[in-house]
N, C-alpha and C. Protein backbone atom coordinates (compact mmCIF):
# COMPACT_ATOMS: atom_id res chain seq x y z
N MET A 1 8.23 21.62 -10.86
CA MET A 1 7.28 21.83 -9.28
C MET A 1 8.19 22.87 -8.49
N SER A 2 7.73 23.78 -7.68
CA SER A 2 8.51 24.19 -6.85
C SER A 2 7.89 23.60 -5.27
N ALA A 3 8.96 23.69 -4.43
CA ALA A 3 8.41 22.90 -2.91
C ALA A 3 6.82 23.10 -2.15
N ALA A 4 7.05 24.78 -2.49
CA ALA A 4 5.96 25.38 -2.06
C ALA A 4 4.53 24.69 -3.17
N THR A 5 4.23 24.56 -4.07
CA THR A 5 3.12 24.16 -4.57
C THR A 5 3.52 22.60 -4.24
N PHE A 6 4.61 21.60 -3.86
CA PHE A 6 4.33 20.26 -3.90
C PHE A 6 3.47 20.43 -2.69
N ALA A 7 4.50 21.07 -1.48
CA ALA A 7 3.50 21.37 -0.20
C ALA A 7 2.06 21.45 -0.11
N SER A 8 1.96 22.47 -1.05
CA SER A 8 0.67 22.78 -1.08
C SER A 8 -0.37 21.89 -1.28
N ALA A 9 -0.62 20.88 -3.00
CA ALA A 9 -0.53 19.90 -3.16
C ALA A 9 -1.15 18.70 -2.16
N ALA A 10 0.01 18.32 -0.97
CA ALA A 10 0.22 17.17 -0.36
C ALA A 10 -0.62 17.77 1.01
N THR A 11 -0.99 18.79 1.43
CA THR A 11 -1.70 18.98 2.37
C THR A 11 -3.22 19.32 2.06
N ALA A 12 -3.67 19.67 0.52
CA ALA A 12 -4.90 19.35 0.22
C ALA A 12 -5.12 17.88 0.08
N PHE A 13 -3.95 17.06 -0.15
CA PHE A 13 -4.47 15.77 -0.90
C PHE A 13 -4.77 14.82 1.16
N ALA A 14 -4.21 15.21 2.05
CA ALA A 14 -3.94 15.49 3.43
C ALA A 14 -5.18 15.44 4.58
N ARG A 15 -5.81 16.56 3.65
CA ARG A 15 -7.36 17.17 4.25
C ARG A 15 -8.29 16.38 3.38
N LEU A 16 -8.08 16.39 2.47
CA LEU A 16 -8.87 15.67 1.55
C LEU A 16 -9.47 14.18 1.98
N VAL A 17 -8.67 13.26 2.23
CA VAL A 17 -8.19 11.76 2.98
C VAL A 17 -8.39 11.93 4.41
N HIS A 18 -8.46 12.78 5.40
CA HIS A 18 -9.24 13.36 6.60
C HIS A 18 -10.85 13.17 6.51
N ASP A 19 -11.13 13.86 5.50
CA ASP A 19 -12.81 13.71 5.29
C ASP A 19 -13.47 12.53 4.63
N ILE A 20 -12.24 11.31 4.56
CA ILE A 20 -13.12 10.20 3.82
C ILE A 20 -13.76 9.58 4.89
N PRO A 21 -14.68 9.00 4.97
CA PRO A 21 -15.78 8.37 6.11
C PRO A 21 -15.30 7.38 5.98
N ALA A 22 -15.22 6.41 7.39
CA ALA A 22 -14.67 4.97 7.02
C ALA A 22 -15.56 4.21 6.33
N SER A 23 -16.65 4.46 5.97
CA SER A 23 -17.51 3.30 5.55
C SER A 23 -17.29 3.62 4.27
N LYS A 24 -16.07 4.41 3.46
CA LYS A 24 -15.70 4.33 1.97
C LYS A 24 -14.64 3.74 1.91
N TRP A 25 -13.87 3.31 2.45
CA TRP A 25 -12.38 2.83 2.41
C TRP A 25 -12.58 1.93 1.21
N ASP A 26 -13.71 1.03 1.61
CA ASP A 26 -13.32 -0.28 0.42
C ASP A 26 -14.26 -0.47 -0.78
N GLY A 27 -14.61 1.03 -0.45
CA GLY A 27 -15.34 1.41 -1.73
C GLY A 27 -14.44 2.04 -2.92
N PRO A 28 -15.28 1.86 -4.15
CA PRO A 28 -14.39 2.06 -5.57
C PRO A 28 -13.59 3.44 -5.09
N GLY A 29 -12.01 2.86 -5.83
CA GLY A 29 -11.13 4.18 -5.84
C GLY A 29 -10.81 4.61 -7.43
N LEU A 30 -10.07 3.90 -7.66
CA LEU A 30 -9.75 4.23 -9.61
C LEU A 30 -9.74 2.82 -10.28
N GLY A 31 -10.28 2.68 -11.28
CA GLY A 31 -9.74 1.18 -11.71
C GLY A 31 -10.33 0.48 -10.92
N GLU A 32 -9.58 -1.47 -11.05
CA GLU A 32 -9.62 -1.88 -10.03
C GLU A 32 -9.01 -1.22 -8.36
N TRP A 33 -8.49 -0.61 -7.88
CA TRP A 33 -8.01 0.06 -6.94
C TRP A 33 -9.75 0.22 -5.74
N ASP A 34 -9.56 -0.31 -5.09
CA ASP A 34 -10.51 0.45 -3.74
C ASP A 34 -9.80 1.52 -3.56
N LEU A 35 -10.68 2.72 -2.58
CA LEU A 35 -10.19 3.71 -2.18
C LEU A 35 -9.32 3.62 -1.19
N ARG A 36 -8.42 2.41 -1.05
CA ARG A 36 -7.79 2.39 0.30
C ARG A 36 -6.13 2.27 -0.36
N SER A 37 -6.42 1.37 -1.53
CA SER A 37 -5.12 1.18 -2.32
C SER A 37 -4.66 2.80 -3.14
N LEU A 38 -5.90 3.31 -3.76
CA LEU A 38 -5.64 4.37 -4.07
C LEU A 38 -4.99 5.92 -3.11
N VAL A 39 -5.26 5.54 -2.15
CA VAL A 39 -5.02 6.29 -0.95
C VAL A 39 -3.46 6.40 -0.74
N GLY A 40 -3.41 5.04 -0.72
CA GLY A 40 -1.65 4.18 -0.56
C GLY A 40 -0.97 4.69 -1.81
N HIS A 41 -1.37 4.19 -2.81
CA HIS A 41 -0.56 4.59 -3.85
C HIS A 41 -0.15 5.96 -3.81
N THR A 42 -1.42 7.07 -3.84
CA THR A 42 -0.89 8.79 -3.70
C THR A 42 -0.06 8.80 -2.50
N SER A 43 -0.11 8.00 -1.47
CA SER A 43 0.54 8.53 -0.11
C SER A 43 2.08 8.67 -0.92
N ARG A 44 2.35 7.43 -1.25
CA ARG A 44 3.32 6.77 -1.33
C ARG A 44 3.98 7.69 -2.71
N SER A 45 3.85 7.89 -3.61
CA SER A 45 3.70 8.51 -4.63
C SER A 45 4.47 10.15 -4.10
N LEU A 46 3.56 11.18 -2.96
CA LEU A 46 3.62 11.94 -2.40
C LEU A 46 5.07 12.17 -1.91
N VAL A 47 5.72 10.71 -1.07
CA VAL A 47 6.82 10.44 -0.22
C VAL A 47 7.79 10.34 -1.72
N THR A 48 7.86 10.40 -3.16
CA THR A 48 8.30 9.47 -3.41
C THR A 48 8.84 11.17 -4.19
N VAL A 49 8.35 12.04 -4.66
CA VAL A 49 8.59 13.25 -4.84
C VAL A 49 8.77 14.18 -3.89
N SER A 50 8.48 13.57 -2.69
CA SER A 50 9.50 14.80 -1.75
C SER A 50 10.69 14.48 -1.49
N THR A 51 11.11 13.19 -1.72
CA THR A 51 12.38 12.53 -1.66
C THR A 51 13.09 13.01 -3.21
N TYR A 52 12.63 12.91 -4.14
CA TYR A 52 13.37 13.47 -5.96
C TYR A 52 13.17 15.29 -5.38
N LEU A 53 12.74 15.97 -4.50
CA LEU A 53 12.29 17.19 -4.67
C LEU A 53 14.04 17.88 -4.02
N GLN A 54 14.50 16.88 -2.70
CA GLN A 54 15.47 17.02 -2.21
C GLN A 54 16.79 17.04 -2.43
N THR A 55 16.73 16.20 -4.05
CA THR A 55 17.84 16.27 -4.93
C THR A 55 18.33 16.95 -6.28
N THR A 56 19.47 16.97 -6.67
CA THR A 56 18.99 18.13 -7.96
C THR A 56 19.46 16.80 -8.79
N ALA A 57 19.07 17.01 -10.07
CA ALA A 57 19.06 16.20 -10.92
C ALA A 57 19.71 16.89 -12.07
N ASP A 58 20.88 15.79 -12.65
CA ASP A 58 21.66 16.48 -13.36
C ASP A 58 21.33 16.64 -14.58
N SER A 59 20.26 16.01 -15.14
CA SER A 59 19.69 16.54 -16.58
C SER A 59 18.38 16.48 -16.36
N GLU A 60 17.74 17.47 -17.52
CA GLU A 60 16.17 17.51 -17.50
C GLU A 60 15.07 16.89 -18.39
N ASP A 61 15.26 15.40 -18.40
CA ASP A 61 14.86 14.40 -19.34
C ASP A 61 13.39 14.71 -20.12
N LEU A 62 12.79 14.80 -18.98
CA LEU A 62 11.08 15.09 -19.34
C LEU A 62 10.45 16.49 -18.44
N ALA A 63 10.59 17.62 -19.71
CA ALA A 63 10.70 18.78 -19.24
C ALA A 63 9.05 19.30 -18.48
N THR A 64 7.70 18.24 -18.93
CA THR A 64 6.38 18.92 -18.96
C THR A 64 5.49 17.18 -18.55
N PRO A 65 4.58 17.89 -17.83
CA PRO A 65 3.97 16.31 -17.17
C PRO A 65 3.16 15.59 -18.35
N GLN A 66 2.86 16.24 -19.19
CA GLN A 66 2.58 15.85 -20.56
C GLN A 66 3.57 14.52 -21.51
N GLU A 67 4.77 15.10 -21.36
CA GLU A 67 5.98 14.38 -21.70
C GLU A 67 5.98 13.11 -20.65
N TYR A 68 5.68 13.53 -19.64
CA TYR A 68 6.04 12.40 -18.23
C TYR A 68 4.91 11.16 -18.92
N TYR A 69 3.58 11.75 -18.85
CA TYR A 69 2.91 10.49 -19.02
C TYR A 69 2.99 9.81 -20.24
N ALA A 70 3.70 10.51 -21.38
CA ALA A 70 3.18 9.92 -22.95
C ALA A 70 4.96 8.96 -22.51
N ARG A 71 5.77 8.94 -21.78
CA ARG A 71 6.85 8.29 -21.70
C ARG A 71 6.62 7.10 -20.86
N VAL A 72 6.25 7.86 -19.98
CA VAL A 72 6.34 6.71 -18.07
C VAL A 72 4.87 6.07 -18.22
N ASN A 73 4.52 4.93 -18.71
CA ASN A 73 3.16 4.54 -18.68
C ASN A 73 3.56 2.87 -18.90
N PRO A 74 2.94 1.90 -18.28
CA PRO A 74 2.99 0.67 -18.50
C PRO A 74 3.45 0.14 -19.39
N SER A 75 2.59 0.66 -20.94
CA SER A 75 2.99 -0.40 -22.32
C SER A 75 4.53 0.32 -22.50
N ALA A 76 4.33 1.40 -22.09
CA ALA A 76 5.64 2.22 -23.08
C ALA A 76 7.41 1.65 -22.16
N LEU A 77 6.90 1.21 -20.88
CA LEU A 77 7.92 0.41 -20.35
C LEU A 77 7.45 -0.97 -19.86
N GLY A 78 6.53 -1.59 -20.47
CA GLY A 78 6.84 -2.93 -20.97
C GLY A 78 6.43 -3.69 -19.59
N ILE A 79 5.47 -2.76 -18.64
CA ILE A 79 4.87 -3.33 -17.23
C ILE A 79 3.81 -3.96 -17.33
N ASP A 80 3.53 -5.07 -17.11
CA ASP A 80 2.13 -5.73 -16.88
C ASP A 80 1.35 -4.70 -15.84
N SER A 81 0.27 -4.17 -16.59
CA SER A 81 -0.53 -3.20 -15.64
C SER A 81 -1.11 -4.08 -14.21
N SER A 82 -1.34 -5.20 -14.37
CA SER A 82 -1.73 -5.72 -13.09
C SER A 82 -0.54 -5.73 -11.35
N ALA A 83 0.58 -5.56 -12.02
CA ALA A 83 1.40 -5.58 -11.49
C ALA A 83 1.13 -4.01 -10.71
N ILE A 84 0.92 -2.72 -11.54
CA ILE A 84 0.35 -1.54 -10.80
C ILE A 84 -0.85 -1.84 -10.17
N VAL A 85 -1.71 -2.58 -10.03
CA VAL A 85 -2.44 -2.76 -9.38
C VAL A 85 -1.99 -3.30 -8.44
N GLU A 86 -0.98 -4.17 -8.10
CA GLU A 86 -0.70 -4.98 -6.65
C GLU A 86 -0.20 -4.05 -6.45
N ARG A 87 0.70 -3.10 -6.68
CA ARG A 87 1.24 -2.22 -5.97
C ARG A 87 0.87 -1.03 -5.40
N GLY A 88 -0.36 -0.88 -5.75
CA GLY A 88 -1.00 0.12 -5.08
C GLY A 88 -1.82 -0.45 -4.01
N ARG A 89 -2.31 -2.01 -4.19
CA ARG A 89 -3.19 -2.42 -2.98
C ARG A 89 -1.83 -2.76 -1.98
N GLN A 90 -1.05 -3.25 -2.62
CA GLN A 90 0.30 -3.12 -1.37
C GLN A 90 0.43 -2.09 -0.12
N ALA A 91 0.59 -0.77 -1.52
CA ALA A 91 1.07 0.49 -0.43
C ALA A 91 -0.29 0.69 -0.06
N GLY A 92 -1.49 0.60 -0.02
CA GLY A 92 -2.63 0.75 0.67
C GLY A 92 -2.64 -0.27 2.20
N ILE A 93 -2.16 -1.77 1.96
CA ILE A 93 -1.84 -1.93 3.14
C ILE A 93 -0.88 -1.73 3.99
N ASP A 94 0.52 -1.11 3.66
CA ASP A 94 1.39 -0.52 4.65
C ASP A 94 1.46 0.38 4.50
N LEU A 95 0.12 1.87 4.33
CA LEU A 95 -0.18 2.34 5.01
C LEU A 95 -0.98 2.55 5.97
N GLY A 96 -2.10 1.29 5.89
CA GLY A 96 -3.04 0.94 7.34
C GLY A 96 -1.85 0.28 8.01
N LEU A 97 -1.12 -0.05 8.25
CA LEU A 97 -0.02 -0.87 9.01
C LEU A 97 0.70 -0.03 9.79
N TRP A 98 1.27 1.20 8.68
CA TRP A 98 1.74 2.52 9.54
C TRP A 98 1.10 3.30 10.44
N LEU A 99 -0.11 3.51 9.76
CA LEU A 99 -1.36 4.42 10.46
C LEU A 99 -1.41 3.52 12.08
N VAL A 100 -1.49 2.15 12.44
CA VAL A 100 -1.90 1.20 12.97
C VAL A 100 -0.65 1.12 14.22
N GLY A 101 0.66 1.96 13.62
CA GLY A 101 1.92 1.94 14.64
C GLY A 101 1.75 3.15 15.12
N GLN A 102 1.34 3.99 14.15
CA GLN A 102 1.62 5.45 14.74
C GLN A 102 0.73 5.62 15.75
N ILE A 103 -0.71 5.09 15.95
CA ILE A 103 -1.90 5.00 16.73
C ILE A 103 -1.58 3.99 17.77
N ALA A 104 -1.82 2.63 17.51
CA ALA A 104 -1.33 2.08 18.30
C ALA A 104 -0.32 1.26 18.94
N GLY A 105 0.71 1.62 18.14
CA GLY A 105 1.95 0.75 18.28
C GLY A 105 2.15 0.11 17.62
N GLU A 106 4.14 0.19 17.76
CA GLU A 106 4.41 -0.81 16.53
C GLU A 106 4.23 -2.27 16.65
N ALA A 107 4.34 -2.57 18.06
CA ALA A 107 3.97 -4.19 18.15
C ALA A 107 2.49 -3.98 17.82
N LYS A 108 1.43 -3.73 17.76
CA LYS A 108 -0.19 -3.94 17.57
C LYS A 108 0.00 -4.04 15.92
N ALA A 109 0.96 -3.16 14.97
CA ALA A 109 1.06 -3.62 13.63
C ALA A 109 2.16 -4.13 13.49
N LYS A 110 2.96 -4.73 14.30
CA LYS A 110 3.48 -6.22 13.72
C LYS A 110 2.75 -7.31 13.61
N ALA A 111 1.99 -7.14 15.19
CA ALA A 111 1.07 -8.19 15.56
C ALA A 111 0.11 -8.63 14.23
N ILE A 112 -0.64 -7.16 14.20
CA ILE A 112 -1.75 -7.02 12.55
C ILE A 112 -0.74 -8.06 10.96
N GLN A 113 0.07 -7.42 11.11
CA GLN A 113 1.18 -7.79 9.48
C GLN A 113 1.20 -9.52 10.10
N LEU A 114 1.44 -9.47 11.07
CA LEU A 114 1.91 -11.15 11.10
C LEU A 114 0.58 -11.95 11.15
N GLY A 115 -0.61 -11.82 11.53
CA GLY A 115 -1.91 -11.97 11.40
C GLY A 115 -2.56 -12.54 10.24
N ILE A 116 -2.42 -11.17 9.33
CA ILE A 116 -3.01 -11.20 7.63
C ILE A 116 -1.78 -11.97 6.81
N GLU A 117 -0.91 -12.74 7.30
CA GLU A 117 0.66 -12.74 6.87
C GLU A 117 1.05 -12.07 5.59
N TYR A 118 1.09 -11.18 6.04
CA TYR A 118 1.94 -9.73 4.66
C TYR A 118 3.40 -9.66 4.84
N ASP A 119 4.17 -10.49 3.68
CA ASP A 119 5.51 -10.49 4.01
C ASP A 119 6.05 -9.69 3.56
N PRO A 120 5.80 -8.57 2.51
CA PRO A 120 6.27 -7.70 1.94
C PRO A 120 7.41 -7.09 3.47
N GLN A 121 8.53 -6.53 3.57
CA GLN A 121 8.68 -5.91 4.61
C GLN A 121 8.29 -5.03 4.84
N PRO A 122 7.76 -3.82 3.89
CA PRO A 122 7.40 -2.51 4.36
C PRO A 122 6.08 -2.48 5.54
N PRO A 123 5.47 -2.03 6.13
CA PRO A 123 7.06 -0.97 6.94
C PRO A 123 7.35 -1.81 8.15
N PHE A 124 7.34 -3.16 8.61
CA PHE A 124 7.90 -4.03 9.30
C PHE A 124 7.63 -5.11 8.76
N ASP A 125 9.16 -6.00 9.42
CA ASP A 125 9.61 -7.47 8.62
C ASP A 125 9.02 -8.35 9.63
N SER A 126 7.75 -8.66 9.75
CA SER A 126 7.55 -9.24 10.26
C SER A 126 5.75 -10.35 10.07
N GLY A 127 5.68 -9.84 8.81
CA GLY A 127 4.95 -10.87 7.98
C GLY A 127 4.67 -12.63 8.32
N HIS A 128 5.92 -13.03 8.50
CA HIS A 128 5.79 -14.53 8.61
C HIS A 128 6.16 -15.09 9.84
N MET A 129 5.81 -16.12 10.46
CA MET A 129 6.45 -16.82 11.50
C MET A 129 7.80 -16.61 11.63
N SER A 130 8.31 -17.38 10.26
CA SER A 130 9.84 -17.57 10.72
C SER A 130 10.90 -15.42 11.07
N LYS A 131 9.79 -14.59 10.59
CA LYS A 131 10.46 -13.55 10.62
C LYS A 131 10.19 -12.27 12.23
N ALA A 132 8.67 -12.98 13.03
CA ALA A 132 8.22 -12.68 14.13
C ALA A 132 9.04 -12.70 15.49
N SER A 133 9.07 -11.96 15.65
CA SER A 133 9.63 -12.02 17.68
C SER A 133 8.87 -12.90 17.81
N VAL A 134 8.95 -13.67 19.28
CA VAL A 134 8.10 -14.40 20.23
C VAL A 134 7.20 -13.28 20.72
N ALA A 135 7.48 -11.87 21.00
CA ALA A 135 6.41 -11.06 21.39
C ALA A 135 5.20 -10.77 20.34
N THR A 136 6.11 -10.86 19.86
CA THR A 136 4.65 -10.20 18.08
C THR A 136 4.39 -11.80 17.97
N LYS A 137 4.61 -12.92 17.89
CA LYS A 137 3.36 -14.11 17.55
C LYS A 137 2.68 -14.21 19.04
N ALA A 138 3.02 -14.24 20.30
CA ALA A 138 2.25 -13.70 21.50
C ALA A 138 0.78 -12.71 21.06
N ALA A 139 1.57 -11.57 20.25
CA ALA A 139 0.18 -10.54 20.47
C ALA A 139 -0.85 -10.82 19.46
N ALA A 140 0.01 -11.45 18.02
CA ALA A 140 -0.51 -11.76 16.92
C ALA A 140 -2.19 -12.72 17.44
N ALA A 141 -1.37 -14.13 18.22
CA ALA A 141 -2.28 -14.97 18.70
C ALA A 141 -3.35 -14.35 19.28
N ALA A 142 -3.19 -13.68 20.65
CA ALA A 142 -3.99 -12.84 21.56
C ALA A 142 -5.32 -12.03 20.36
N LEU A 143 -4.62 -10.76 19.27
CA LEU A 143 -5.29 -10.33 19.19
C LEU A 143 -6.14 -11.20 17.91
N PHE A 144 -5.78 -12.62 17.25
CA PHE A 144 -6.74 -13.22 16.37
C PHE A 144 -7.15 -14.50 17.24
N SER A 145 -7.39 -13.75 18.58
CA SER A 145 -7.78 -14.99 19.02
C SER A 145 -9.89 -15.16 18.97
N LYS A 146 -9.84 -16.19 19.34
CA LYS A 146 -11.51 -16.52 19.12
C LYS A 146 -13.01 -15.29 19.58
N GLU A 147 -11.64 -15.07 21.11
CA GLU A 147 -12.89 -14.25 21.93
C GLU A 147 -12.52 -12.46 21.16
N LEU A 148 -11.71 -12.59 20.43
CA LEU A 148 -11.86 -10.96 19.86
C LEU A 148 -12.00 -11.31 18.44
N ILE A 149 -12.45 -11.95 17.77
CA ILE A 149 -12.85 -12.19 16.85
C ILE A 149 -14.53 -11.72 16.25
N THR A 150 -14.76 -10.30 15.78
CA THR A 150 -16.20 -10.13 16.12
C THR A 150 -16.92 -10.80 14.41
N PRO A 151 -17.97 -11.18 14.04
CA PRO A 151 -18.48 -11.44 12.64
C PRO A 151 -18.38 -10.28 11.69
N THR A 152 -18.03 -9.05 11.85
CA THR A 152 -17.17 -7.90 10.85
C THR A 152 -16.33 -8.29 10.62
N LEU A 153 -14.97 -8.50 11.47
CA LEU A 153 -13.41 -8.94 11.08
C LEU A 153 -13.73 -9.73 10.66
N LEU A 154 -14.15 -11.00 10.86
CA LEU A 154 -14.23 -12.34 9.90
C LEU A 154 -14.46 -12.43 8.86
N LYS A 155 -15.50 -11.32 8.71
CA LYS A 155 -15.54 -11.20 7.26
C LYS A 155 -15.11 -10.43 6.46
N HIS A 156 -14.29 -9.28 6.67
CA HIS A 156 -13.20 -8.27 6.59
C HIS A 156 -12.33 -9.47 6.03
N THR A 157 -11.83 -10.45 7.10
CA THR A 157 -10.87 -10.95 6.96
C THR A 157 -10.82 -12.29 5.72
N THR A 158 -11.81 -13.00 5.92
CA THR A 158 -12.03 -14.01 4.97
C THR A 158 -12.15 -13.33 3.31
N LEU A 159 -12.60 -12.09 3.49
CA LEU A 159 -13.38 -11.60 2.35
C LEU A 159 -11.26 -11.25 1.68
N LEU A 160 -10.12 -10.95 2.12
CA LEU A 160 -8.95 -10.51 1.92
C LEU A 160 -8.43 -11.76 1.81
N LEU A 161 -8.72 -13.13 2.56
CA LEU A 161 -8.20 -14.43 1.95
C LEU A 161 -8.27 -14.68 1.03
N TRP A 162 -9.56 -15.08 1.03
CA TRP A 162 -10.47 -15.30 -0.41
C TRP A 162 -9.76 -14.27 -1.68
N GLU A 163 -9.45 -13.24 -1.50
CA GLU A 163 -8.65 -12.53 -2.64
C GLU A 163 -7.28 -12.50 -2.64
N GLN A 164 -6.93 -12.84 -1.68
CA GLN A 164 -5.26 -13.09 -2.11
C GLN A 164 -5.27 -14.62 -2.72
N ALA A 165 -6.06 -15.55 -2.34
CA ALA A 165 -5.79 -17.35 -3.03
C ALA A 165 -6.65 -17.10 -4.59
N ILE A 166 -7.51 -16.13 -5.06
CA ILE A 166 -7.95 -15.85 -6.25
C ILE A 166 -6.90 -15.40 -7.56
N ARG A 167 -6.42 -14.22 -6.35
CA ARG A 167 -5.30 -13.60 -6.89
C ARG A 167 -3.99 -15.05 -7.65
N ARG A 168 -3.93 -16.02 -6.69
CA ARG A 168 -2.71 -16.80 -6.46
C ARG A 168 -2.80 -17.39 -7.65
N ALA A 169 -3.79 -17.89 -7.68
CA ALA A 169 -4.52 -18.96 -8.51
C ALA A 169 -4.13 -18.04 -10.13
N ARG A 170 -4.77 -17.33 -10.25
CA ARG A 170 -4.66 -16.16 -11.61
C ARG A 170 -3.20 -16.39 -11.35
N GLY A 171 -2.54 -16.36 -10.66
CA GLY A 171 -1.04 -15.90 -11.59
C GLY A 171 -0.03 -16.68 -11.67
N ARG A 172 -0.85 -18.13 -11.44
CA ARG A 172 0.30 -19.58 -11.86
C ARG A 172 0.11 -19.73 -13.60
N GLY A 173 0.94 -20.29 -13.34
CA GLY A 173 1.29 -20.33 -14.71
C GLY A 173 1.57 -18.87 -15.55
N LYS A 174 1.58 -17.95 -14.79
CA LYS A 174 1.69 -16.18 -16.12
C LYS A 174 3.28 -15.90 -15.50
N LYS A 175 4.25 -15.47 -15.71
CA LYS A 175 5.17 -15.04 -15.98
C LYS A 175 5.00 -13.92 -15.21
N ARG A 176 6.00 -13.56 -14.55
CA ARG A 176 6.57 -12.80 -13.23
C ARG A 176 6.83 -11.59 -14.22
N GLN A 177 6.84 -10.10 -14.35
CA GLN A 177 6.95 -9.44 -15.05
C GLN A 177 7.58 -8.10 -13.65
N PRO A 178 8.72 -8.05 -14.35
CA PRO A 178 9.76 -6.85 -13.19
C PRO A 178 8.92 -5.87 -12.54
N VAL A 179 8.50 -5.11 -11.28
CA VAL A 179 8.35 -4.12 -11.49
C VAL A 179 9.21 -2.63 -11.23
N ALA A 180 8.61 -1.62 -11.67
CA ALA A 180 9.70 -0.53 -12.04
C ALA A 180 9.87 0.06 -10.18
N THR A 181 10.61 0.65 -9.52
CA THR A 181 10.12 1.36 -8.55
C THR A 181 10.66 2.52 -8.60
N ARG A 182 10.93 3.08 -9.73
CA ARG A 182 10.68 4.41 -9.86
C ARG A 182 10.36 4.99 -11.05
């Protein structure tokens, strides 16, 4: 694939995402992913491909997309498909936090990350009280105070927390599978 082809595909994807109505982000995306997770996963994939396009491979191990999909799939790599689903969800959260950082500033994004206790580092490392600065803790407290919580926000936060609790409960006793990074 040439850089021009990739750029054209990435531009088309960006236009498509731009046109997604706000009411559709929590709707179905692909498989177990909602639309937000699918867009996050695709965005992360575009960044990965962009990085690869800037390097030169020592050899061509997979010459066609068909070879790639035949060899690089969860069962062929011994990866639990639920790990891939979770990576897509995390990519959706990462994308959301990054966008908040771009639109409302890094401080607000860090406060939100702390407020939802999202602790993987990307895109910020402030998802736990032990990691957050005093300013981030204060911003999170103000952002998530009673006066600012609307019924809609409370509903979505509760659903998110409920989903995380169910995921953790279902994951107990299961052996964790390593997640491929590329």
